[in-house]
């Protein structure tokens, strides 16, 4: 079983990475109105941080599976699904330019942030008493 410092460290990194991915997406959306070449670089950083968020989501799901309880497994799975929906929405928007896909990406991100926070709190309480 992973120790508490490891869980805390990776979960805080996950939330920071999610915040950075959101920030780069927001900055990129602001630069899109200017059509600057910096916009492409920010988009690449946004996609990289979103991919790292997915990696941390997988790690948190693996930790949730190790508890042997259904509730954290469902939260972890919901987190992975919402990360996937956000990624699908973002990449689909880049391919099609349909504006409504940006809302799909945003709502997937918001659900993921909420589920990640809930899962981190649950794992912290569960692992602390083991």
C-alpha atoms as a PDB file:
ATOM      1  CA  UNK A   1       0.000   0.000   0.000  1.00  0.00           C
ATOM      2  CA  UNK A   2       1.312   3.440  -0.864  1.00  0.00           C
ATOM      3  CA  UNK A   3       2.321   5.596   2.044  1.00  0.00           C
ATOM      4  CA  UNK A   4       0.518   8.805   2.973  1.00  0.00           C
ATOM      5  CA  UNK A   5       3.230  11.186   1.784  1.00  0.00           C
ATOM      6  CA  UNK A   6       3.188   9.624  -1.673  1.00  0.00           C
ATOM      7  CA  UNK A   7      -0.594   9.881  -1.952  1.00  0.00           C
ATOM      8  CA  UNK A   8      -0.601  13.458  -0.722  1.00  0.00           C
ATOM      9  CA  UNK A   9       2.291  14.500  -2.978  1.00  0.00           C
ATOM     10  CA  UNK A  10       0.848  13.004  -6.156  1.00  0.00           C
ATOM     11  CA  UNK A  11      -2.669  14.195  -5.462  1.00  0.00           C
ATOM     12  CA  UNK A  12      -1.519  17.770  -4.894  1.00  0.00           C
ATOM     13  CA  UNK A  13       0.559  17.552  -8.097  1.00  0.00           C
ATOM     14  CA  UNK A  14      -2.521  16.286  -9.915  1.00  0.00           C
ATOM     15  CA  UNK A  15      -4.617  19.250  -8.826  1.00  0.00           C
ATOM     16  CA  UNK A  16      -1.814  21.707  -9.692  1.00  0.00           C
ATOM     17  CA  UNK A  17      -1.387  20.115 -13.126  1.00  0.00           C
ATOM     18  CA  UNK A  18      -5.156  20.328 -13.718  1.00  0.00           C
ATOM     19  CA  UNK A  19      -5.064  24.007 -12.783  1.00  0.00           C
ATOM     20  CA  UNK A  20      -2.141  24.628 -15.154  1.00  0.00           C
ATOM     21  CA  UNK A  21      -3.897  22.799 -17.992  1.00  0.00           C
ATOM     22  CA  UNK A  22      -6.983  24.929 -17.432  1.00  0.00           C
ATOM     23  CA  UNK A  23      -4.890  28.110 -17.255  1.00  0.00           C
ATOM     24  CA  UNK A  24      -3.081  27.352 -20.499  1.00  0.00           C
ATOM     25  CA  UNK A  25      -6.408  26.633 -22.175  1.00  0.00           C
ATOM     26  CA  UNK A  26      -7.810  29.923 -20.939  1.00  0.00           C
ATOM     27  CA  UNK A  27      -4.745  31.885 -22.049  1.00  0.00           C
ATOM     28  CA  UNK A  28      -4.862  30.150 -25.416  1.00  0.00           C
ATOM     29  CA  UNK A  29      -8.509  31.115 -25.833  1.00  0.00           C
ATOM     30  CA  UNK A  30      -7.598  34.729 -25.090  1.00  0.00           C
ATOM     31  CA  UNK A  31      -4.744  34.712 -27.608  1.00  0.00           C
ATOM     32  CA  UNK A  32      -7.010  33.166 -30.239  1.00  0.00           C
ATOM     33  CA  UNK A  33      -8.664  36.517 -30.710  1.00  0.00           C
ATOM     34  CA  UNK A  34      -5.310  37.983 -31.773  1.00  0.00           C
ATOM     35  CA  UNK A  35      -4.184  34.995 -33.932  1.00  0.00           C
ATOM     36  CA  UNK A  36      -0.660  35.105 -32.581  1.00  0.00           C
ATOM     37  CA  UNK A  37       1.935  32.369 -33.093  1.00  0.00           C
ATOM     38  CA  UNK A  38       2.228  32.164 -29.300  1.00  0.00           C
ATOM     39  CA  UNK A  39      -1.256  30.659 -29.321  1.00  0.00           C
ATOM     40  CA  UNK A  40       0.058  27.405 -30.824  1.00  0.00           C
ATOM     41  CA  UNK A  41       2.752  27.085 -28.160  1.00  0.00           C
ATOM     42  CA  UNK A  42       0.218  27.622 -25.399  1.00  0.00           C
ATOM     43  CA  UNK A  43      -2.085  25.050 -26.990  1.00  0.00           C
ATOM     44  CA  UNK A  44       0.745  22.512 -26.989  1.00  0.00           C
ATOM     45  CA  UNK A  45       1.412  23.199 -23.290  1.00  0.00           C
ATOM     46  CA  UNK A  46      -2.320  22.851 -22.583  1.00  0.00           C
ATOM     47  CA  UNK A  47      -2.410  19.449 -24.291  1.00  0.00           C
ATOM     48  CA  UNK A  48       0.743  18.272 -22.487  1.00  0.00           C
ATOM     49  CA  UNK A  49      -0.629  19.227 -19.074  1.00  0.00           C
ATOM     50  CA  UNK A  50      -3.972  17.626 -19.931  1.00  0.00           C
ATOM     51  CA  UNK A  51      -2.121  14.406 -20.778  1.00  0.00           C
ATOM     52  CA  UNK A  52      -0.250  14.554 -17.468  1.00  0.00           C
ATOM     53  CA  UNK A  53      -3.598  15.056 -15.722  1.00  0.00           C
ATOM     54  CA  UNK A  54      -4.797  11.852 -17.377  1.00  0.00           C
ATOM     55  CA  UNK A  55      -1.719  10.039 -16.075  1.00  0.00           C
ATOM     56  CA  UNK A  56      -2.370  11.211 -12.532  1.00  0.00           C
ATOM     57  CA  UNK A  57      -6.023  10.201 -12.957  1.00  0.00           C
ATOM     58  CA  UNK A  58      -4.888   6.668 -13.790  1.00  0.00           C
ATOM     59  CA  UNK A  59      -2.605   6.639 -10.753  1.00  0.00           C
ATOM     60  CA  UNK A  60      -5.407   7.786  -8.448  1.00  0.00           C
ATOM     61  CA  UNK A  61      -7.679   5.112  -9.936  1.00  0.00           C
ATOM     62  CA  UNK A  62      -5.048   2.458  -9.184  1.00  0.00           C
ATOM     63  CA  UNK A  63      -4.824   3.705  -5.584  1.00  0.00           C
ATOM     64  CA  UNK A  64      -8.611   3.631  -5.314  1.00  0.00           C
ATOM     65  CA  UNK A  65      -8.638   0.046  -6.577  1.00  0.00           C
ATOM     66  CA  UNK A  66      -6.162  -0.966  -3.869  1.00  0.00           C
ATOM     67  CA  UNK A  67      -8.620   0.032  -1.147  1.00  0.00           C
ATOM     68  CA  UNK A  68     -10.919  -2.855  -2.072  1.00  0.00           C
ATOM     69  CA  UNK A  69     -13.993  -0.636  -1.608  1.00  0.00           C
ATOM     70  CA  UNK A  70     -16.553   0.167  -4.286  1.00  0.00           C
ATOM     71  CA  UNK A  71     -17.053   3.868  -3.552  1.00  0.00           C
ATOM     72  CA  UNK A  72     -13.485   5.008  -4.308  1.00  0.00           C
ATOM     73  CA  UNK A  73     -13.388   2.723  -7.360  1.00  0.00           C
ATOM     74  CA  UNK A  74     -16.503   4.397  -8.771  1.00  0.00           C
ATOM     75  CA  UNK A  75     -15.149   7.868  -8.050  1.00  0.00           C
ATOM     76  CA  UNK A  76     -11.831   6.939  -9.687  1.00  0.00           C
ATOM     77  CA  UNK A  77     -13.608   5.503 -12.718  1.00  0.00           C
ATOM     78  CA  UNK A  78     -15.845   8.565 -12.956  1.00  0.00           C
ATOM     79  CA  UNK A  79     -12.727  10.718 -12.799  1.00  0.00           C
ATOM     80  CA  UNK A  80     -11.131   8.819 -15.681  1.00  0.00           C
ATOM     81  CA  UNK A  81     -14.320   9.055 -17.730  1.00  0.00           C
ATOM     82  CA  UNK A  82     -14.597  12.802 -17.148  1.00  0.00           C
ATOM     83  CA  UNK A  83     -10.935  13.296 -18.116  1.00  0.00           C
ATOM     84  CA  UNK A  84     -11.632  11.289 -21.261  1.00  0.00           C
ATOM     85  CA  UNK A  85     -14.711  13.385 -22.042  1.00  0.00           C
ATOM     86  CA  UNK A  86     -12.711  16.588 -21.575  1.00  0.00           C
ATOM     87  CA  UNK A  87      -9.967  15.286 -23.853  1.00  0.00           C
ATOM     88  CA  UNK A  88     -12.466  14.132 -26.447  1.00  0.00           C
ATOM     89  CA  UNK A  89     -14.205  17.502 -26.384  1.00  0.00           C
ATOM     90  CA  UNK A  90     -10.956  19.414 -26.745  1.00  0.00           C
ATOM     91  CA  UNK A  91      -9.493  17.330 -29.544  1.00  0.00           C
ATOM     92  CA  UNK A  92     -12.836  17.213 -31.355  1.00  0.00           C
ATOM     93  CA  UNK A  93     -13.031  20.993 -31.197  1.00  0.00           C
ATOM     94  CA  UNK A  94      -9.578  21.283 -32.756  1.00  0.00           C
ATOM     95  CA  UNK A  95     -10.661  18.997 -35.593  1.00  0.00           C
ATOM     96  CA  UNK A  96     -14.120  20.434 -36.263  1.00  0.00           C
ATOM     97  CA  UNK A  97     -14.293  24.017 -34.895  1.00  0.00           C
ATOM     98  CA  UNK A  98     -17.731  23.374 -33.351  1.00  0.00           C
ATOM     99  CA  UNK A  99     -17.979  25.778 -30.411  1.00  0.00           C
ATOM    100  CA  UNK A 100     -20.226  23.519 -28.303  1.00  0.00           C
ATOM    101  CA  UNK A 101     -17.345  21.038 -27.961  1.00  0.00           C
ATOM    102  CA  UNK A 102     -15.461  23.577 -25.843  1.00  0.00           C
ATOM    103  CA  UNK A 103     -18.323  23.382 -23.335  1.00  0.00           C
ATOM    104  CA  UNK A 104     -18.054  19.580 -23.335  1.00  0.00           C
ATOM    105  CA  UNK A 105     -14.347  19.972 -22.590  1.00  0.00           C
ATOM    106  CA  UNK A 106     -14.995  22.500 -19.817  1.00  0.00           C
ATOM    107  CA  UNK A 107     -17.720  20.434 -18.129  1.00  0.00           C
ATOM    108  CA  UNK A 108     -15.562  17.300 -18.323  1.00  0.00           C
ATOM    109  CA  UNK A 109     -12.750  19.227 -16.671  1.00  0.00           C
ATOM    110  CA  UNK A 110     -15.018  20.588 -13.932  1.00  0.00           C
ATOM    111  CA  UNK A 111     -16.361  17.132 -13.093  1.00  0.00           C
ATOM    112  CA  UNK A 112     -12.832  15.776 -13.102  1.00  0.00           C
ATOM    113  CA  UNK A 113     -11.631  18.480 -10.724  1.00  0.00           C
ATOM    114  CA  UNK A 114     -14.510  17.771  -8.340  1.00  0.00           C
ATOM    115  CA  UNK A 115     -14.035  13.996  -8.489  1.00  0.00           C
ATOM    116  CA  UNK A 116     -10.264  14.285  -8.086  1.00  0.00           C
ATOM    117  CA  UNK A 117     -10.702  16.428  -4.991  1.00  0.00           C
ATOM    118  CA  UNK A 118     -13.253  14.008  -3.571  1.00  0.00           C
ATOM    119  CA  UNK A 119     -11.040  11.010  -4.312  1.00  0.00           C
ATOM    120  CA  UNK A 120      -7.964  12.637  -2.787  1.00  0.00           C
ATOM    121  CA  UNK A 121      -9.869  13.417   0.396  1.00  0.00           C
ATOM    122  CA  UNK A 122     -11.308   9.917   0.588  1.00  0.00           C
ATOM    123  CA  UNK A 123      -7.962   8.216  -0.043  1.00  0.00           C
ATOM    124  CA  UNK A 124      -6.255  10.450   2.480  1.00  0.00           C
ATOM    125  CA  UNK A 125      -8.795   9.535   5.189  1.00  0.00           C
ATOM    126  CA  UNK A 126      -8.772   5.853   4.226  1.00  0.00           C
ATOM    127  CA  UNK A 127      -4.990   5.477   4.104  1.00  0.00           C
ATOM    128  CA  UNK A 128      -4.438   7.492   7.266  1.00  0.00           C
ATOM    129  CA  UNK A 129      -6.297   4.950   9.376  1.00  0.00           C
ATOM    130  CA  UNK A 130      -4.588   1.902   7.916  1.00  0.00           C
END
